Amino acid sequence: MEAGASTSTSQAGVSSGPGLIALSNSPSTPAKDLRSSFVILISSFPMLRSFLLFLALIASVTIARADNPFIGRWALTIPGGSAGWLGIEEKDGALQGSILWSGGSVVPVQAVKVEGDTLTVTRISKSKNSKTGETDEITETITATAAGDDLKLTTSKVKADGKTFGLAEFTGKRIPPVPPAPDLSKVKFGDPITLFNGKDLTGWGLTNPKADNGWSVVDGVLMNRIEKGKHFGNLRTDREFEDFNLKLETRTQKDSNSGIYLRGIYEVQVAETYGKPVDSHNMGALYSRITPTVAAEKPIDEWQTFDITLVDRHLTVILNGQKIIDNQPILGCTGGALTSDELKPGPLMLQGDHTSIDYRNIVLRPVIK
């Protein structure tokens, strides 16, 4: 409600202050007129409309949960402690699923079924046998039971020769519905925080202290250089953040494949993909989740600018002055995330375990709530 608006209520209905429609449930007011007045009321206040749509979404999720408690999106903590994600939906009367298992992309599963109180997910993968050099097909069966917003899961794998391996237990937690898209023109940002001082790695550290460190500072540039035969690490800020706007510059090298992890959860892809068609794995994409609307990357060795806004689990990406992702909802973590918990603060993380990459002028402005 806008400041200064006033309302009063009576047994007959709701009377409005300035700008609102008076609604009455008296016998003399036709139901059709009431419905028309309500539509006018909602259309007059976009924030009210968004709020009511959000309530309708929660109601639909509640109904779906009552019918099938597994439908929805789940944040997984997979065996070993890494982040994962599982999405279950009903489409055309059949259950479908997709999964993220630690690294890589969100991929569809082969089968989903519910029998009694148990969900069964089947996925098939292929891996190269290091001994024979041949490709082995592996069938993984994941079973789950739900208790409210929590999942208890088990996984087991079977090779083509029938041998079972990889039996393990893990957990999942239901992800709340994504809020309505924020009005970014009304979001307030705090003072700029310079995350990289251009001199040294103060305020930064490896996510895995045991990894090889390829990061250094040369002439004001944060550089990552890798060598074959070593296992290099990702770099993260000591500080953690919630929602924010982030501006930085990056310069790709030959075959660069890096990423900017927002709160350590969502990877905005940084890659040498100039001249290629748009793809959810190319420069500026939310890795494997949101495809840019236009290819805006520059050629190798040219400095490129990112302007990234993360608010209420919605992402906006401006690459080299072109908006390529416009306030789009994020449905879950991406491969390589530090955690699958999307509601907790986290660091800015730069991927350094793949290839060489350069960054500079890294400035963040936190959202003021």
Protein backbone atom coordinates (compact mmCIF):
# COMPACT_ATOMS: atom_id res chain seq x y z
CA MET A 1 0.00 0.00 0.00
CA GLU A 2 1.28 3.47 -0.84
CA ALA A 3 2.09 5.88 1.95
CA GLY A 4 -0.86 8.00 2.92
CA ALA A 5 -3.49 5.52 1.74
CA SER A 6 -6.16 4.72 4.28
CA THR A 7 -8.79 2.04 4.52
CA SER A 8 -11.82 1.32 6.63
CA THR A 9 -13.80 -1.86 6.90
CA SER A 10 -17.44 -2.55 7.58
CA GLN A 11 -19.76 -5.51 7.62
CA ALA A 12 -20.82 -4.65 4.08
CA GLY A 13 -17.34 -5.02 2.59
CA VAL A 14 -14.15 -2.99 2.10
CA SER A 15 -14.23 0.75 1.55
CA SER A 16 -11.24 2.33 -0.06
CA GLY A 17 -9.12 5.28 0.58
CA PRO A 18 -7.69 7.30 -2.30
CA GLY A 19 -7.21 5.24 -5.45
CA LEU A 20 -8.95 2.05 -4.21
CA ILE A 21 -12.24 0.56 -5.33
CA ALA A 22 -15.07 0.22 -2.84
CA LEU A 23 -16.27 -3.36 -2.64
CA SER A 24 -19.60 -4.34 -1.17
CA ASN A 25 -21.29 -7.66 -0.57
CA SER A 26 -24.75 -6.15 -0.21
CA PRO A 27 -27.59 -7.92 -2.04
CA SER A 28 -27.86 -5.00 -4.46
CA THR A 29 -24.30 -5.51 -5.78
CA PRO A 30 -24.13 -8.11 -8.57
CA ALA A 31 -21.39 -10.72 -8.22
CA LYS A 32 -20.11 -9.84 -11.71
CA ASP A 33 -19.55 -6.23 -10.61
CA LEU A 34 -17.66 -7.45 -7.53
CA ARG A 35 -15.39 -9.56 -9.69
CA SER A 36 -14.77 -6.66 -12.09
CA SER A 37 -13.97 -4.32 -9.21
CA PHE A 38 -11.52 -6.84 -7.76
CA VAL A 39 -9.74 -7.18 -11.11
CA ILE A 40 -9.44 -3.39 -11.32
CA LEU A 41 -8.09 -3.28 -7.76
CA ILE A 42 -5.40 -5.86 -8.50
CA SER A 43 -4.39 -4.31 -11.82
CA SER A 44 -3.99 -0.92 -10.12
CA PHE A 45 -1.30 -2.22 -7.77
CA PRO A 46 1.49 -4.29 -9.42
CA MET A 47 3.04 -5.18 -6.05
CA LEU A 48 -0.30 -6.55 -4.83
CA ARG A 49 -0.65 -8.54 -8.05
CA SER A 50 2.83 -10.05 -7.62
CA PHE A 51 2.08 -10.91 -3.99
CA LEU A 52 -1.19 -12.64 -4.88
CA LEU A 53 0.53 -14.59 -7.66
CA PHE A 54 3.17 -15.67 -5.15
CA LEU A 55 0.44 -16.85 -2.77
CA ALA A 56 -1.19 -18.76 -5.62
CA LEU A 57 2.16 -20.43 -6.38
CA ILE A 58 2.58 -21.49 -2.75
CA ALA A 59 -1.00 -22.82 -2.77
CA SER A 60 -0.35 -24.85 -5.93
CA VAL A 61 2.85 -26.26 -4.41
CA THR A 62 0.95 -27.20 -1.25
CA ILE A 63 -1.72 -29.01 -3.29
CA ALA A 64 0.95 -30.85 -5.31
CA ARG A 65 2.73 -31.87 -2.10
CA ALA A 66 -0.48 -33.26 -0.65
CA ASP A 67 -0.96 -35.39 -3.76
CA ASN A 68 2.70 -36.29 -4.28
CA PRO A 69 5.19 -35.19 -1.59
CA PHE A 70 8.16 -35.59 -3.96
CA ILE A 71 7.12 -33.02 -6.56
CA GLY A 72 9.30 -29.94 -6.31
CA ARG A 73 12.96 -28.97 -6.19
CA TRP A 74 15.35 -30.45 -3.65
CA ALA A 75 18.75 -29.28 -2.42
CA LEU A 76 20.91 -32.38 -2.03
CA THR A 77 23.97 -33.02 0.09
CA ILE A 78 25.37 -35.96 -1.83
CA PRO A 79 27.78 -38.64 -0.56
CA GLY A 80 31.05 -36.97 0.31
CA GLY A 81 29.35 -33.69 1.22
CA SER A 82 29.20 -32.02 -2.19
CA ALA A 83 26.24 -30.01 -3.46
CA GLY A 84 23.57 -31.60 -5.63
CA TRP A 85 20.06 -30.88 -6.84
CA LEU A 86 16.98 -32.88 -7.79
CA GLY A 87 13.87 -31.65 -9.57
CA ILE A 88 10.68 -33.71 -9.82
CA GLU A 89 7.64 -32.56 -11.82
CA GLU A 90 4.50 -34.00 -13.32
CA LYS A 91 4.05 -33.34 -17.02
CA ASP A 92 1.32 -34.75 -19.27
CA GLY A 93 0.32 -37.10 -16.48
CA ALA A 94 3.80 -38.59 -16.06
CA LEU A 95 6.59 -37.92 -13.58
CA GLN A 96 9.81 -36.46 -14.92
CA GLY A 97 13.06 -35.61 -13.21
CA SER A 98 16.39 -33.87 -13.62
CA ILE A 99 19.46 -34.00 -11.45
CA LEU A 100 22.74 -32.27 -10.71
CA TRP A 101 25.41 -34.46 -9.16
CA SER A 102 28.20 -32.28 -7.75
CA GLY A 103 29.91 -30.97 -10.91
CA GLY A 104 28.79 -30.70 -14.50
CA SER A 105 25.33 -29.88 -15.79
CA VAL A 106 21.73 -30.38 -14.79
CA VAL A 107 20.65 -33.44 -16.80
CA PRO A 108 17.40 -35.39 -17.23
CA VAL A 109 17.04 -38.76 -15.56
CA GLN A 110 15.82 -41.86 -17.38
CA ALA A 111 12.89 -42.80 -15.14
CA VAL A 112 10.92 -41.58 -12.13
CA LYS A 113 8.28 -43.54 -10.23
CA VAL A 114 6.55 -43.50 -6.86
CA GLU A 115 5.46 -46.72 -5.17
CA GLY A 116 3.88 -46.34 -1.78
CA ASP A 117 5.96 -43.87 0.17
CA THR A 118 9.12 -44.36 -1.89
CA LEU A 119 10.46 -42.36 -4.82
CA THR A 120 12.71 -44.20 -7.26
CA VAL A 121 14.89 -42.32 -9.74
CA THR A 122 16.92 -44.12 -12.38
CA ARG A 123 19.73 -42.54 -14.31
CA ILE A 124 22.17 -44.06 -16.77
CA SER A 125 25.69 -42.75 -17.30
CA LYS A 126 28.75 -43.82 -19.22
CA SER A 127 32.35 -43.80 -18.07
CA LYS A 128 35.62 -44.88 -19.59
CA ASN A 129 37.19 -47.97 -18.05
CA SER A 130 40.77 -47.05 -17.14
CA LYS A 131 41.90 -50.67 -17.42
CA THR A 132 40.27 -51.72 -20.70
CA GLY A 133 39.85 -48.33 -22.36
CA GLU A 134 36.26 -49.27 -23.16
CA THR A 135 33.14 -47.32 -22.20
CA ASP A 136 31.10 -48.82 -19.38
CA GLU A 137 27.40 -48.16 -18.98
CA ILE A 138 26.38 -47.64 -15.37
CA THR A 139 22.81 -47.72 -14.08
CA GLU A 140 22.26 -45.78 -10.87
CA THR A 141 19.15 -46.24 -8.75
CA ILE A 142 18.27 -43.56 -6.21
CA THR A 143 15.48 -44.19 -3.72
CA ALA A 144 14.02 -41.60 -1.37
CA THR A 145 11.44 -41.22 1.38
CA ALA A 146 10.04 -37.85 2.44
CA ALA A 147 9.29 -36.51 5.91
CA GLY A 148 7.89 -33.02 5.47
CA ASP A 149 10.56 -30.92 3.77
CA ASP A 150 13.33 -33.50 4.26
CA LEU A 151 14.45 -36.39 2.09
CA LYS A 152 16.38 -39.49 3.07
CA LEU A 153 18.01 -41.04 0.03
CA THR A 154 20.14 -44.00 -0.93
CA THR A 155 22.06 -44.63 -4.13
CA SER A 156 23.51 -47.76 -5.67
CA LYS A 157 25.13 -48.39 -9.03
CA VAL A 158 25.24 -51.44 -11.27
CA LYS A 159 27.71 -52.07 -14.07
CA ALA A 160 26.80 -53.78 -17.32
CA ASP A 161 28.21 -57.04 -15.93
CA GLY A 162 25.77 -56.89 -13.02
CA LYS A 163 28.26 -55.90 -10.34
CA THR A 164 26.86 -53.52 -7.72
CA PHE A 165 28.93 -50.75 -6.18
CA GLY A 166 28.68 -47.23 -4.77
CA LEU A 167 26.03 -47.93 -2.13
CA ALA A 168 25.62 -44.78 -0.02
CA GLU A 169 23.12 -42.70 1.91
CA PHE A 170 22.58 -38.95 1.65
CA THR A 171 20.03 -36.23 2.36
CA GLY A 172 17.92 -33.58 0.70
CA LYS A 173 15.88 -30.57 1.71
CA ARG A 174 12.96 -29.00 -0.12
CA ILE A 175 13.76 -25.66 -1.78
CA PRO A 176 11.13 -22.98 -1.09
CA PRO A 177 9.34 -21.49 -4.12
CA VAL A 178 11.25 -18.75 -5.92
CA PRO A 179 9.88 -15.33 -4.89
CA PRO A 180 8.32 -12.99 -7.49
CA ALA A 181 10.74 -11.12 -9.73
CA PRO A 182 12.01 -8.06 -7.85
CA ASP A 183 11.52 -4.53 -9.14
CA LEU A 184 15.19 -3.70 -9.53
CA SER A 185 14.45 0.00 -9.87
CA LYS A 186 13.39 -0.02 -6.22
CA VAL A 187 16.25 -2.12 -4.84
CA LYS A 188 18.70 -0.15 -2.69
CA PHE A 189 22.39 -0.95 -2.83
CA GLY A 190 25.04 -0.12 -0.25
CA ASP A 191 28.43 1.48 -0.70
CA PRO A 192 30.86 -0.17 -3.14
CA ILE A 193 33.22 -2.77 -1.68
CA THR A 194 36.49 -3.23 -3.58
CA LEU A 195 37.14 -6.95 -3.31
CA PHE A 196 40.47 -6.98 -5.19
CA ASN A 197 43.03 -4.36 -4.21
CA GLY A 198 45.14 -4.77 -7.36
CA LYS A 199 48.26 -5.48 -5.30
CA ASP A 200 47.98 -8.88 -3.64
CA LEU A 201 45.54 -11.60 -2.56
CA THR A 202 44.47 -9.91 0.69
CA GLY A 203 40.87 -10.93 1.41
CA TRP A 204 41.07 -14.04 -0.78
CA GLY A 205 42.03 -17.68 -0.26
CA LEU A 206 41.79 -21.09 -1.91
CA THR A 207 38.61 -23.05 -1.23
CA ASN A 208 40.88 -26.06 -0.78
CA PRO A 209 44.11 -25.04 0.98
CA LYS A 210 45.76 -28.28 -0.17
CA ALA A 211 45.27 -27.47 -3.88
CA ASP A 212 48.01 -26.00 -6.05
CA ASN A 213 47.74 -22.21 -6.20
CA GLY A 214 47.88 -20.76 -9.68
CA TRP A 215 46.67 -17.30 -8.61
CA SER A 216 48.93 -14.26 -8.50
CA VAL A 217 48.80 -10.51 -9.04
CA VAL A 218 50.75 -8.98 -11.93
CA ASP A 219 50.45 -5.29 -12.90
CA GLY A 220 47.10 -4.93 -11.15
CA VAL A 221 45.65 -8.08 -12.72
CA LEU A 222 44.46 -11.14 -10.79
CA MET A 223 45.87 -13.94 -12.92
CA ASN A 224 45.40 -17.70 -12.80
CA ARG A 225 47.95 -19.83 -14.63
CA ILE A 226 47.85 -23.61 -14.60
CA GLU A 227 50.30 -26.33 -15.46
CA LYS A 228 49.68 -29.87 -16.61
CA GLY A 229 49.99 -32.54 -13.96
CA LYS A 230 48.90 -30.32 -11.08
CA HIS A 231 45.55 -29.81 -9.37
CA PHE A 232 44.84 -26.11 -9.12
CA GLY A 233 42.29 -24.51 -6.83
CA ASN A 234 39.39 -22.08 -6.91
CA LEU A 235 39.74 -18.70 -5.23
CA ARG A 236 37.13 -17.25 -2.85
CA THR A 237 36.62 -14.12 -0.81
CA ASP A 238 36.99 -14.27 2.94
CA ARG A 239 33.82 -12.20 3.25
CA GLU A 240 30.36 -13.62 2.57
CA PHE A 241 27.37 -11.86 1.07
CA GLU A 242 23.64 -12.18 0.47
CA ASP A 243 22.17 -10.30 -2.51
CA PHE A 244 24.30 -7.80 -4.43
CA ASN A 245 25.41 -6.14 -7.63
CA LEU A 246 28.84 -7.15 -8.89
CA LYS A 247 30.98 -5.44 -11.50
CA LEU A 248 34.28 -6.81 -12.78
CA GLU A 249 36.44 -7.24 -15.84
CA THR A 250 37.80 -10.48 -17.24
CA ARG A 251 40.15 -11.49 -20.05
CA THR A 252 40.04 -14.96 -21.54
CA GLN A 253 43.06 -16.96 -22.63
CA LYS A 254 43.20 -19.75 -25.20
CA ASP A 255 40.44 -22.27 -24.37
CA SER A 256 39.62 -20.46 -21.11
CA ASN A 257 36.98 -22.12 -18.95
CA SER A 258 36.36 -20.34 -15.66
CA GLY A 259 33.36 -19.09 -13.73
CA ILE A 260 32.11 -16.48 -11.29
CA TYR A 261 30.28 -18.22 -8.43
CA LEU A 262 27.75 -15.91 -6.79
CA ARG A 263 27.59 -16.70 -3.06
CA GLY A 264 29.58 -19.81 -3.99
CA ILE A 265 26.33 -21.32 -5.32
CA TYR A 266 25.50 -20.00 -8.81
CA GLU A 267 28.11 -20.04 -11.59
CA VAL A 268 28.05 -17.34 -14.24
CA GLN A 269 30.15 -18.91 -16.96
CA VAL A 270 33.39 -17.31 -18.13
CA ALA A 271 34.72 -19.01 -21.26
CA GLU A 272 36.42 -18.37 -24.57
CA THR A 273 33.31 -18.81 -26.77
CA TYR A 274 33.54 -15.84 -29.13
CA GLY A 275 31.78 -16.48 -32.43
CA LYS A 276 29.71 -19.38 -31.12
CA PRO A 277 25.89 -19.45 -30.92
CA VAL A 278 24.21 -18.86 -27.57
CA ASP A 279 24.30 -21.81 -25.22
CA SER A 280 23.78 -22.43 -21.51
CA HIS A 281 27.48 -23.35 -21.24
CA ASN A 282 28.90 -20.26 -22.98
CA MET A 283 30.11 -16.87 -21.77
CA GLY A 284 27.64 -15.14 -19.44
CA ALA A 285 25.26 -18.07 -19.03
CA LEU A 286 24.11 -19.33 -15.65
CA TYR A 287 25.88 -22.62 -16.19
CA SER A 288 23.53 -25.25 -17.68
CA ARG A 289 20.48 -23.37 -16.34
CA ILE A 290 19.91 -20.04 -18.11
CA THR A 291 20.96 -19.39 -21.73
CA PRO A 292 21.89 -15.81 -22.69
CA THR A 293 19.49 -14.12 -25.09
CA VAL A 294 22.36 -12.85 -27.22
CA ALA A 295 26.04 -13.71 -27.71
CA ALA A 296 27.87 -10.62 -26.45
CA GLU A 297 31.38 -11.95 -25.79
CA LYS A 298 34.54 -10.44 -27.26
CA PRO A 299 37.52 -12.18 -28.86
CA ILE A 300 40.35 -13.70 -26.87
CA ASP A 301 42.75 -11.34 -25.03
CA GLU A 302 40.26 -8.43 -24.95
CA TRP A 303 39.04 -7.15 -21.59
CA GLN A 304 35.34 -7.79 -21.09
CA THR A 305 32.95 -6.26 -18.55
CA PHE A 306 30.39 -8.00 -16.36
CA ASP A 307 27.57 -6.27 -14.50
CA ILE A 308 25.75 -8.94 -12.47
CA THR A 309 22.78 -8.47 -10.13
CA LEU A 310 21.50 -11.18 -7.80
CA VAL A 311 18.30 -10.33 -5.90
CA ASP A 312 15.66 -12.70 -4.46
CA ARG A 313 17.05 -15.67 -6.43
CA HIS A 314 16.70 -13.73 -9.69
CA LEU A 315 19.66 -13.05 -11.97
CA THR A 316 20.48 -10.19 -14.33
CA VAL A 317 23.67 -10.29 -16.39
CA ILE A 318 24.99 -7.46 -18.55
CA LEU A 319 28.00 -8.52 -20.62
CA ASN A 320 29.98 -5.85 -22.45
CA GLY A 321 27.06 -3.45 -22.14
CA GLN A 322 24.42 -5.86 -23.45
CA LYS A 323 21.78 -7.35 -21.18
CA ILE A 324 21.92 -11.09 -21.84
CA ILE A 325 19.94 -12.36 -18.81
CA ASP A 326 17.07 -10.19 -17.59
CA ASN A 327 15.88 -10.75 -14.01
CA GLN A 328 15.37 -14.49 -14.54
CA PRO A 329 14.51 -16.93 -11.72
CA ILE A 330 17.17 -19.36 -10.55
CA LEU A 331 15.86 -22.86 -9.88
CA GLY A 332 18.84 -24.30 -8.05
CA CYS A 333 22.58 -24.46 -7.54
CA THR A 334 24.98 -25.09 -10.40
CA GLY A 335 27.76 -27.65 -10.78
CA GLY A 336 30.72 -27.09 -8.50
CA ALA A 337 28.75 -25.12 -5.91
CA LEU A 338 30.13 -24.95 -2.39
CA THR A 339 26.67 -25.71 -1.00
CA SER A 340 23.17 -26.47 -2.23
CA ASP A 341 21.62 -24.22 0.43
CA GLU A 342 20.42 -21.22 -1.57
CA LEU A 343 19.20 -19.28 1.46
CA LYS A 344 22.55 -18.77 3.20
CA PRO A 345 25.15 -16.06 2.55
CA GLY A 346 28.28 -17.09 0.70
CA PRO A 347 31.52 -15.83 -0.86
CA LEU A 348 32.37 -14.72 -4.35
CA MET A 349 34.33 -17.61 -5.87
CA LEU A 350 36.43 -17.58 -9.04
CA GLN A 351 36.97 -20.92 -10.74
CA GLY A 352 40.62 -21.70 -11.24
CA ASP A 353 40.79 -25.49 -11.43
CA HIS A 354 40.21 -25.70 -15.20
CA THR A 355 42.25 -23.20 -17.22
CA SER A 356 44.10 -19.90 -17.16
CA ILE A 357 42.07 -16.68 -16.78
CA ASP A 358 42.49 -13.00 -15.80
CA TYR A 359 40.32 -10.71 -13.62
CA ARG A 360 40.51 -7.11 -12.42
CA ASN A 361 38.43 -4.24 -10.97
CA ILE A 362 36.18 -6.46 -8.82
CA VAL A 363 33.65 -4.28 -7.01
CA LEU A 364 30.52 -5.43 -5.12
CA ARG A 365 27.58 -3.42 -3.76
CA PRO A 366 25.42 -5.34 -1.26
CA VAL A 367 21.66 -5.00 -1.28
CA ILE A 368 20.29 -3.05 1.68
CA LYS A 369 17.19 -4.74 3.13
